Amino acid sequence: MRKSLLLALSLLGLFDSSYLWWVYASPSRPMVCLGSGCDVVRASPFAYPAGVPMPVFGVAMYATLALLIFAEPLLSASLARWGRYAGAGIAGLGFLFSLYLTGIEAFVLHAWCAWCVVSALAVTLLFVLAVLDVLRPAAFPEPPAWPPRKETWRCASWRRLSARRRSSCLPGRGPHPRRTWLLLRSYESA
């Protein structure tokens, strides 16, 4: 449940930041916003640090978080642990930067951008859940035991299928040692 929520929040933030980047890249397009705070924030010098639109940083952060969250089950245990630490660190930096930008909106610009508030809430929840995930990682389901409990072996030649004992299916054994045998397994549920 926690992983699904982490992924959903990172995708929400990615959508939010992508939309803002699209609007920032084309100033002639009107921004869909509740109130006029978004236009004030977008026109401020804080919206373009070093000449780069602020949403670019949000897209990079949320995309990295989504990738880390999505890839965690595919990684080994030690890499997954480092991925959780990296995710919590990135979310923590995003939370601190979002706190700084929210302070600028409140005390310097005196305007609130609804998109920025959604992003701030998303990164705050991401940070809290990422810290919880580091402290108490969610358990992944164990892979099924190999081989399954009931196992039936059968042997087949390339030309015809015929049931054989397991030992006669191995190459070099059985009644036809020079034939190439294909070892097939069929499993029954326990």
C-alpha atoms as a PDB file:
ATOM      1  CA  MET A   1       0.000   0.000   0.000  1.00  0.00           C
ATOM      2  CA  ARG A   2       2.794   2.410   0.925  1.00  0.00           C
ATOM      3  CA  LYS A   3       4.660   1.759  -2.343  1.00  0.00           C
ATOM      4  CA  SER A   4       1.509   2.374  -4.362  1.00  0.00           C
ATOM      5  CA  LEU A   5       0.936   5.648  -2.537  1.00  0.00           C
ATOM      6  CA  LEU A   6       4.577   6.680  -3.049  1.00  0.00           C
ATOM      7  CA  LEU A   7       4.325   5.942  -6.760  1.00  0.00           C
ATOM      8  CA  ALA A   8       0.967   7.734  -7.078  1.00  0.00           C
ATOM      9  CA  LEU A   9       2.299  10.840  -5.309  1.00  0.00           C
ATOM     10  CA  SER A  10       5.435  10.922  -7.436  1.00  0.00           C
ATOM     11  CA  LEU A  11       3.348  10.612 -10.604  1.00  0.00           C
ATOM     12  CA  LEU A  12       1.014  13.376  -9.361  1.00  0.00           C
ATOM     13  CA  GLY A  13       4.021  15.616  -8.761  1.00  0.00           C
ATOM     14  CA  LEU A  14       5.457  14.671 -12.155  1.00  0.00           C
ATOM     15  CA  PHE A  15       2.199  15.644 -13.860  1.00  0.00           C
ATOM     16  CA  ASP A  16       2.039  18.889 -11.875  1.00  0.00           C
ATOM     17  CA  SER A  17       5.612  19.867 -12.687  1.00  0.00           C
ATOM     18  CA  SER A  18       5.283  18.822 -16.344  1.00  0.00           C
ATOM     19  CA  TYR A  19       2.218  21.006 -16.768  1.00  0.00           C
ATOM     20  CA  LEU A  20       3.954  23.951 -15.119  1.00  0.00           C
ATOM     21  CA  TRP A  21       7.043  23.446 -17.295  1.00  0.00           C
ATOM     22  CA  TRP A  22       4.856  23.449 -20.400  1.00  0.00           C
ATOM     23  CA  VAL A  23       3.150  26.676 -19.281  1.00  0.00           C
ATOM     24  CA  TYR A  24       6.456  28.309 -18.299  1.00  0.00           C
ATOM     25  CA  ALA A  25       8.013  27.390 -21.645  1.00  0.00           C
ATOM     26  CA  SER A  26       5.182  29.087 -23.531  1.00  0.00           C
ATOM     27  CA  PRO A  27       4.224  32.291 -21.687  1.00  0.00           C
ATOM     28  CA  SER A  28       1.585  33.115 -24.289  1.00  0.00           C
ATOM     29  CA  ARG A  29      -0.529  30.186 -23.076  1.00  0.00           C
ATOM     30  CA  PRO A  30      -2.903  31.032 -20.240  1.00  0.00           C
ATOM     31  CA  MET A  31      -2.320  29.128 -17.018  1.00  0.00           C
ATOM     32  CA  VAL A  32      -5.264  27.253 -15.542  1.00  0.00           C
ATOM     33  CA  CYS A  33      -5.236  28.374 -11.923  1.00  0.00           C
ATOM     34  CA  LEU A  34      -7.534  29.193  -9.042  1.00  0.00           C
ATOM     35  CA  GLY A  35      -7.110  32.936  -8.553  1.00  0.00           C
ATOM     36  CA  SER A  36      -4.325  35.138  -9.857  1.00  0.00           C
ATOM     37  CA  GLY A  37      -1.492  33.875  -7.639  1.00  0.00           C
ATOM     38  CA  CYS A  38      -0.036  31.601 -10.308  1.00  0.00           C
ATOM     39  CA  ASP A  39       0.626  34.497 -12.688  1.00  0.00           C
ATOM     40  CA  VAL A  40       2.316  36.513  -9.927  1.00  0.00           C
ATOM     41  CA  VAL A  41       4.537  33.550  -9.008  1.00  0.00           C
ATOM     42  CA  ARG A  42       5.352  32.793 -12.651  1.00  0.00           C
ATOM     43  CA  ALA A  43       6.318  36.417 -13.336  1.00  0.00           C
ATOM     44  CA  SER A  44       8.598  36.661 -10.286  1.00  0.00           C
ATOM     45  CA  PRO A  45      12.395  36.347 -10.531  1.00  0.00           C
ATOM     46  CA  PHE A  46      12.208  33.351  -8.173  1.00  0.00           C
ATOM     47  CA  ALA A  47      10.501  31.332 -10.919  1.00  0.00           C
ATOM     48  CA  TYR A  48      13.679  31.246 -13.044  1.00  0.00           C
ATOM     49  CA  PRO A  49      16.761  30.501 -10.923  1.00  0.00           C
ATOM     50  CA  ALA A  50      19.850  30.814 -13.148  1.00  0.00           C
ATOM     51  CA  GLY A  51      17.543  31.293 -16.124  1.00  0.00           C
ATOM     52  CA  VAL A  52      16.035  27.797 -15.833  1.00  0.00           C
ATOM     53  CA  PRO A  53      12.282  27.458 -15.235  1.00  0.00           C
ATOM     54  CA  MET A  54      11.608  26.170 -11.720  1.00  0.00           C
ATOM     55  CA  PRO A  55       9.369  23.270 -12.882  1.00  0.00           C
ATOM     56  CA  VAL A  56      12.371  21.645 -14.606  1.00  0.00           C
ATOM     57  CA  PHE A  57      13.780  20.830 -11.178  1.00  0.00           C
ATOM     58  CA  GLY A  58      10.417  19.403 -10.106  1.00  0.00           C
ATOM     59  CA  VAL A  59      10.206  17.188 -13.200  1.00  0.00           C
ATOM     60  CA  ALA A  60      13.730  15.894 -12.557  1.00  0.00           C
ATOM     61  CA  MET A  61      13.003  15.190  -8.885  1.00  0.00           C
ATOM     62  CA  TYR A  62       9.626  13.505  -9.375  1.00  0.00           C
ATOM     63  CA  ALA A  63      10.841  11.441 -12.350  1.00  0.00           C
ATOM     64  CA  THR A  64      13.843  10.230 -10.337  1.00  0.00           C
ATOM     65  CA  LEU A  65      11.621   9.332  -7.386  1.00  0.00           C
ATOM     66  CA  ALA A  66       9.149   7.481  -9.624  1.00  0.00           C
ATOM     67  CA  LEU A  67      12.004   5.559 -11.236  1.00  0.00           C
ATOM     68  CA  LEU A  68      13.498   4.612  -7.857  1.00  0.00           C
ATOM     69  CA  ILE A  69      10.133   3.498  -6.491  1.00  0.00           C
ATOM     70  CA  PHE A  70       9.280   1.529  -9.625  1.00  0.00           C
ATOM     71  CA  ALA A  71      12.684  -0.168  -9.850  1.00  0.00           C
ATOM     72  CA  GLU A  72      13.007  -1.149  -6.178  1.00  0.00           C
ATOM     73  CA  PRO A  73      11.371  -4.601  -6.472  1.00  0.00           C
ATOM     74  CA  LEU A  74      13.666  -5.401  -9.393  1.00  0.00           C
ATOM     75  CA  LEU A  75      16.861  -4.683  -7.443  1.00  0.00           C
ATOM     76  CA  SER A  76      18.786  -6.867  -5.041  1.00  0.00           C
ATOM     77  CA  ALA A  77      18.222  -6.353  -1.313  1.00  0.00           C
ATOM     78  CA  SER A  78      21.296  -4.160  -0.778  1.00  0.00           C
ATOM     79  CA  LEU A  79      20.623  -2.021  -3.868  1.00  0.00           C
ATOM     80  CA  ALA A  80      16.966  -1.693  -2.876  1.00  0.00           C
ATOM     81  CA  ARG A  81      18.055  -0.436   0.560  1.00  0.00           C
ATOM     82  CA  TRP A  82      20.328   2.171  -1.045  1.00  0.00           C
ATOM     83  CA  GLY A  83      17.486   3.092  -3.401  1.00  0.00           C
ATOM     84  CA  ARG A  84      15.227   3.729  -0.399  1.00  0.00           C
ATOM     85  CA  TYR A  85      17.932   5.909   1.178  1.00  0.00           C
ATOM     86  CA  ALA A  86      18.385   7.819  -2.081  1.00  0.00           C
ATOM     87  CA  GLY A  87      14.616   8.276  -2.419  1.00  0.00           C
ATOM     88  CA  ALA A  88      14.326   9.586   1.130  1.00  0.00           C
ATOM     89  CA  GLY A  89      17.274  11.927   0.555  1.00  0.00           C
ATOM     90  CA  ILE A  90      15.876  13.289  -2.708  1.00  0.00           C
ATOM     91  CA  ALA A  91      12.412  13.695  -1.176  1.00  0.00           C
ATOM     92  CA  GLY A  92      13.998  15.437   1.849  1.00  0.00           C
ATOM     93  CA  LEU A  93      15.854  17.919  -0.360  1.00  0.00           C
ATOM     94  CA  GLY A  94      12.663  18.481  -2.356  1.00  0.00           C
ATOM     95  CA  PHE A  95      10.728  19.051   0.873  1.00  0.00           C
ATOM     96  CA  LEU A  96      13.262  21.623   2.131  1.00  0.00           C
ATOM     97  CA  PHE A  97      13.332  23.433  -1.219  1.00  0.00           C
ATOM     98  CA  SER A  98       9.543  23.393  -1.367  1.00  0.00           C
ATOM     99  CA  LEU A  99       9.414  24.812   2.152  1.00  0.00           C
ATOM    100  CA  TYR A 100      11.736  27.617   1.031  1.00  0.00           C
ATOM    101  CA  LEU A 101       9.588  28.357  -2.036  1.00  0.00           C
ATOM    102  CA  THR A 102       6.384  28.296   0.012  1.00  0.00           C
ATOM    103  CA  GLY A 103       7.972  30.819   2.382  1.00  0.00           C
ATOM    104  CA  ILE A 104       8.781  33.048  -0.599  1.00  0.00           C
ATOM    105  CA  GLU A 105       5.176  32.786  -1.769  1.00  0.00           C
ATOM    106  CA  ALA A 106       3.857  33.682   1.687  1.00  0.00           C
ATOM    107  CA  PHE A 107       6.283  36.370   2.894  1.00  0.00           C
ATOM    108  CA  VAL A 108       7.829  37.905  -0.237  1.00  0.00           C
ATOM    109  CA  LEU A 109       5.326  37.581  -3.066  1.00  0.00           C
ATOM    110  CA  HIS A 110       2.139  37.471  -0.958  1.00  0.00           C
ATOM    111  CA  ALA A 111       0.573  35.235  -3.617  1.00  0.00           C
ATOM    112  CA  TRP A 112      -0.290  31.551  -3.625  1.00  0.00           C
ATOM    113  CA  CYS A 113      -0.050  29.338  -6.679  1.00  0.00           C
ATOM    114  CA  ALA A 114      -2.429  26.373  -6.447  1.00  0.00           C
ATOM    115  CA  TRP A 115      -0.116  24.206  -8.579  1.00  0.00           C
ATOM    116  CA  CYS A 116       2.813  25.003  -6.302  1.00  0.00           C
ATOM    117  CA  VAL A 117       0.770  24.157  -3.217  1.00  0.00           C
ATOM    118  CA  VAL A 118      -0.187  20.789  -4.745  1.00  0.00           C
ATOM    119  CA  SER A 119       3.479  20.111  -5.466  1.00  0.00           C
ATOM    120  CA  ALA A 120       4.459  21.146  -1.927  1.00  0.00           C
ATOM    121  CA  LEU A 121       1.854  18.829  -0.409  1.00  0.00           C
ATOM    122  CA  ALA A 122       2.915  15.967  -2.697  1.00  0.00           C
ATOM    123  CA  VAL A 123       6.607  16.295  -1.834  1.00  0.00           C
ATOM    124  CA  THR A 124       5.812  16.611   1.885  1.00  0.00           C
ATOM    125  CA  LEU A 125       3.804  13.384   1.844  1.00  0.00           C
ATOM    126  CA  LEU A 126       6.500  11.744  -0.282  1.00  0.00           C
ATOM    127  CA  PHE A 127       9.137  12.697   2.267  1.00  0.00           C
ATOM    128  CA  VAL A 128       7.106  11.367   5.205  1.00  0.00           C
ATOM    129  CA  LEU A 129       6.344   8.082   3.440  1.00  0.00           C
ATOM    130  CA  ALA A 130       9.945   7.709   2.215  1.00  0.00           C
ATOM    131  CA  VAL A 131      11.268   8.138   5.765  1.00  0.00           C
ATOM    132  CA  LEU A 132       8.756   5.538   6.968  1.00  0.00           C
ATOM    133  CA  ASP A 133       9.893   3.262   4.174  1.00  0.00           C
ATOM    134  CA  VAL A 134      13.514   3.589   5.277  1.00  0.00           C
ATOM    135  CA  LEU A 135      12.663   2.952   8.921  1.00  0.00           C
ATOM    136  CA  ARG A 136      10.220   0.099   8.262  1.00  0.00           C
ATOM    137  CA  PRO A 137      10.589  -1.247   4.713  1.00  0.00           C
ATOM    138  CA  ALA A 138       7.570  -2.875   3.164  1.00  0.00           C
ATOM    139  CA  ALA A 139       8.007  -6.606   2.677  1.00  0.00           C
ATOM    140  CA  PHE A 140       7.792  -7.908  -0.861  1.00  0.00           C
ATOM    141  CA  PRO A 141       6.057 -11.234  -1.436  1.00  0.00           C
ATOM    142  CA  GLU A 142       8.469 -14.147  -1.479  1.00  0.00           C
ATOM    143  CA  PRO A 143       9.035 -15.807  -4.838  1.00  0.00           C
ATOM    144  CA  PRO A 144       7.554 -19.275  -5.109  1.00  0.00           C
ATOM    145  CA  ALA A 145       9.713 -22.115  -3.879  1.00  0.00           C
ATOM    146  CA  TRP A 146      11.646 -23.872  -6.615  1.00  0.00           C
ATOM    147  CA  PRO A 147      10.800 -26.581  -7.559  1.00  0.00           C
ATOM    148  CA  PRO A 148       7.110 -26.657  -6.677  1.00  0.00           C
ATOM    149  CA  ARG A 149       5.829 -29.286  -4.293  1.00  0.00           C
ATOM    150  CA  LYS A 150       4.357 -31.704  -6.799  1.00  0.00           C
ATOM    151  CA  GLU A 151       6.549 -32.096  -9.803  1.00  0.00           C
ATOM    152  CA  THR A 152       5.933 -34.370 -12.746  1.00  0.00           C
ATOM    153  CA  TRP A 153       8.717 -35.078 -15.208  1.00  0.00           C
ATOM    154  CA  ARG A 154       8.286 -36.225 -18.724  1.00  0.00           C
ATOM    155  CA  CYS A 155      10.680 -36.638 -21.524  1.00  0.00           C
ATOM    156  CA  ALA A 156      10.079 -35.961 -25.181  1.00  0.00           C
ATOM    157  CA  SER A 157      12.071 -36.388 -28.329  1.00  0.00           C
ATOM    158  CA  TRP A 158      11.951 -33.714 -30.955  1.00  0.00           C
ATOM    159  CA  ARG A 159       9.965 -36.011 -33.224  1.00  0.00           C
ATOM    160  CA  ARG A 160       7.442 -37.493 -30.840  1.00  0.00           C
ATOM    161  CA  LEU A 161       6.356 -37.063 -27.262  1.00  0.00           C
ATOM    162  CA  SER A 162       6.551 -40.120 -25.047  1.00  0.00           C
ATOM    163  CA  ALA A 163       6.555 -40.558 -21.297  1.00  0.00           C
ATOM    164  CA  ARG A 164       9.893 -41.751 -19.826  1.00  0.00           C
ATOM    165  CA  ARG A 165      11.461 -42.036 -16.454  1.00  0.00           C
ATOM    166  CA  ARG A 166      13.554 -39.059 -15.328  1.00  0.00           C
ATOM    167  CA  SER A 167      16.855 -40.920 -15.580  1.00  0.00           C
ATOM    168  CA  SER A 168      16.141 -42.040 -19.136  1.00  0.00           C
ATOM    169  CA  CYS A 169      15.569 -38.456 -20.241  1.00  0.00           C
ATOM    170  CA  LEU A 170      19.067 -37.274 -19.487  1.00  0.00           C
ATOM    171  CA  PRO A 171      21.500 -37.165 -22.430  1.00  0.00           C
ATOM    172  CA  GLY A 172      23.687 -40.240 -22.643  1.00  0.00           C
ATOM    173  CA  ARG A 173      21.323 -42.430 -20.603  1.00  0.00           C
ATOM    174  CA  GLY A 174      18.314 -44.502 -21.347  1.00  0.00           C
ATOM    175  CA  PRO A 175      17.418 -46.564 -24.360  1.00  0.00           C
ATOM    176  CA  HIS A 176      18.546 -44.016 -26.980  1.00  0.00           C
ATOM    177  CA  PRO A 177      21.797 -42.393 -25.786  1.00  0.00           C
ATOM    178  CA  ARG A 178      22.618 -40.705 -29.076  1.00  0.00           C
ATOM    179  CA  ARG A 179      19.290 -38.956 -29.499  1.00  0.00           C
ATOM    180  CA  THR A 180      18.820 -35.375 -28.405  1.00  0.00           C
ATOM    181  CA  TRP A 181      16.207 -35.403 -25.706  1.00  0.00           C
ATOM    182  CA  LEU A 182      14.215 -32.483 -24.475  1.00  0.00           C
ATOM    183  CA  LEU A 183      13.487 -32.435 -20.794  1.00  0.00           C
ATOM    184  CA  LEU A 184      10.084 -30.983 -20.088  1.00  0.00           C
ATOM    185  CA  ARG A 185       8.558 -30.199 -16.735  1.00  0.00           C
ATOM    186  CA  SER A 186       4.914 -29.892 -15.986  1.00  0.00           C
ATOM    187  CA  TYR A 187       3.799 -28.668 -12.616  1.00  0.00           C
ATOM    188  CA  GLU A 188       0.689 -29.393 -10.690  1.00  0.00           C
ATOM    189  CA  SER A 189      -0.625 -27.060  -8.065  1.00  0.00           C
ATOM    190  CA  ALA A 190      -0.066 -28.217  -4.518  1.00  0.00           C
END
